[in-house]
Amino acid sequence: DGVFRPGYGPDGARTRLLWDFVLDARRHPPRPRLAHPTLIVHGRADEVIPVESSRMAARSARLGVVRVVELDDAHDLLRSSARVASLAHAWLGAPVPRGGTEAVAGALAVAQCGDDC
């Protein structure tokens, strides 16, 4: 039926994955080669991707190319969305939009979890 069954979701419960997801993942290198300025924002309590993966990406990149910011949050970074918005605006050199980072954070949260928030 095109489904790869042995998977686990962020809550630790078994979940169904589409086999195409696995095939697509196999087409990419285990770690990207970061050669351009890159900002990685990672939650220390990420239950899906270990924070060490971001640290390794930074160590393997050219010196000064990658900045890793670790926040006290989970995979979805919802509790830190205002901080994430602020970091992104600073990284991109963009002005903070009207309503400040709180407005951006609210929009990000709604886009991420929809009516479940």
Protein backbone atom coordinates (compact mmCIF):
# COMPACT_ATOMS: atom_id res chain seq x y z
CA ASP A 1 0.00 0.00 0.00
CA GLY A 2 3.01 2.33 -0.31
CA VAL A 3 3.38 2.81 3.44
CA PHE A 4 6.51 2.24 5.49
CA ARG A 5 5.15 1.34 8.90
CA PRO A 6 7.97 1.26 11.47
CA GLY A 7 8.16 4.92 12.39
CA TYR A 8 7.68 7.01 15.48
CA GLY A 9 6.13 10.45 15.74
CA PRO A 10 7.24 13.32 17.96
CA ASP A 11 5.05 12.01 20.79
CA GLY A 12 6.87 8.66 20.71
CA ALA A 13 3.85 6.82 19.30
CA ARG A 14 4.17 4.64 16.23
CA THR A 15 3.16 6.44 13.07
CA ARG A 16 2.83 5.63 9.39
CA LEU A 17 5.32 7.06 6.92
CA LEU A 18 4.92 7.11 3.17
CA TRP A 19 7.57 4.97 1.51
CA ASP A 20 8.29 7.89 -0.87
CA PHE A 21 9.52 9.84 2.17
CA VAL A 22 12.14 7.17 2.83
CA LEU A 23 13.15 6.97 -0.84
CA ASP A 24 13.50 10.74 -1.04
CA ALA A 25 15.63 10.82 2.12
CA ARG A 26 17.98 8.25 0.58
CA ARG A 27 18.66 10.59 -2.38
CA HIS A 28 20.22 13.22 -0.11
CA PRO A 29 23.54 13.12 1.70
CA PRO A 30 23.33 12.28 5.41
CA ARG A 31 24.53 15.79 6.19
CA PRO A 32 24.36 18.75 3.85
CA ARG A 33 27.57 20.51 2.91
CA LEU A 34 27.03 24.03 4.19
CA ALA A 35 29.14 26.50 2.23
CA HIS A 36 27.00 29.62 2.59
CA PRO A 37 26.01 31.61 5.66
CA THR A 38 23.47 29.48 7.48
CA LEU A 39 21.48 30.06 10.65
CA ILE A 40 20.29 26.94 12.45
CA VAL A 41 17.83 27.38 15.31
CA HIS A 42 17.38 24.16 17.28
CA GLY A 43 15.45 23.25 20.40
CA ARG A 44 17.53 21.54 23.07
CA ALA A 45 14.52 19.37 23.95
CA ASP A 46 13.90 18.37 20.30
CA GLU A 47 12.39 14.89 20.44
CA VAL A 48 12.62 14.32 16.66
CA ILE A 49 16.13 15.45 15.65
CA PRO A 50 18.92 15.44 18.23
CA VAL A 51 20.48 18.87 18.78
CA GLU A 52 23.86 17.22 18.24
CA SER A 53 23.01 16.99 14.52
CA SER A 54 23.01 20.80 14.29
CA ARG A 55 26.25 20.99 16.25
CA MET A 56 27.84 18.48 13.87
CA ALA A 57 26.64 20.46 10.84
CA ALA A 58 28.31 23.57 12.23
CA ARG A 59 31.56 21.74 12.96
CA SER A 60 31.69 20.22 9.47
CA ALA A 61 31.04 23.51 7.65
CA ARG A 62 33.63 26.06 6.63
CA LEU A 63 34.74 28.20 9.53
CA GLY A 64 32.28 30.99 10.29
CA VAL A 65 29.63 29.84 7.82
CA VAL A 66 27.14 28.33 10.25
CA ARG A 67 25.68 29.83 13.40
CA VAL A 68 23.75 27.48 15.68
CA VAL A 69 21.38 28.96 18.23
CA GLU A 70 20.05 26.48 20.77
CA LEU A 71 16.83 27.36 22.55
CA ASP A 72 15.11 25.75 25.53
CA ASP A 73 12.28 24.36 23.43
CA ALA A 74 11.09 21.26 21.58
CA HIS A 75 11.11 20.36 17.87
CA ASP A 76 8.29 22.74 16.93
CA LEU A 77 9.93 25.77 18.66
CA LEU A 78 6.44 27.11 19.42
CA ARG A 79 7.35 28.41 22.86
CA SER A 80 10.27 30.28 21.28
CA SER A 81 8.54 31.53 18.15
CA ALA A 82 9.06 35.22 19.04
CA ARG A 83 12.77 34.58 19.57
CA VAL A 84 12.98 32.59 16.31
CA ALA A 85 11.33 35.47 14.43
CA SER A 86 13.73 37.95 16.01
CA LEU A 87 16.76 35.80 15.12
CA ALA A 88 15.57 35.38 11.53
CA HIS A 89 15.01 39.11 11.06
CA ALA A 90 18.43 39.91 12.53
CA TRP A 91 20.11 37.21 10.41
CA LEU A 92 18.51 38.48 7.22
CA GLY A 93 19.04 42.12 8.11
CA ALA A 94 15.34 42.71 7.66
CA PRO A 95 13.33 45.22 9.67
CA VAL A 96 10.87 43.77 12.13
CA PRO A 97 7.36 44.13 10.67
CA ARG A 98 4.59 46.17 12.26
CA GLY A 99 3.33 44.32 15.31
CA GLY A 100 6.86 43.20 16.18
CA THR A 101 8.16 39.71 16.57
CA GLU A 102 5.10 38.73 18.63
CA ALA A 103 2.89 39.22 15.55
CA VAL A 104 5.27 37.20 13.38
CA ALA A 105 5.47 34.50 16.04
CA GLY A 106 1.68 34.28 16.20
CA ALA A 107 1.45 33.91 12.44
CA LEU A 108 4.12 31.20 12.49
CA ALA A 109 2.31 29.29 15.23
CA VAL A 110 -1.02 29.38 13.39
CA ALA A 111 0.64 28.32 10.13
CA GLN A 112 2.35 25.43 11.89
CA CYS A 113 -0.47 23.97 13.94
CA GLY A 114 -3.61 25.46 12.39
CA ASP A 115 -6.75 25.08 14.48
CA ASP A 116 -4.96 22.83 17.00
CA CYS A 117 -3.27 25.79 18.74
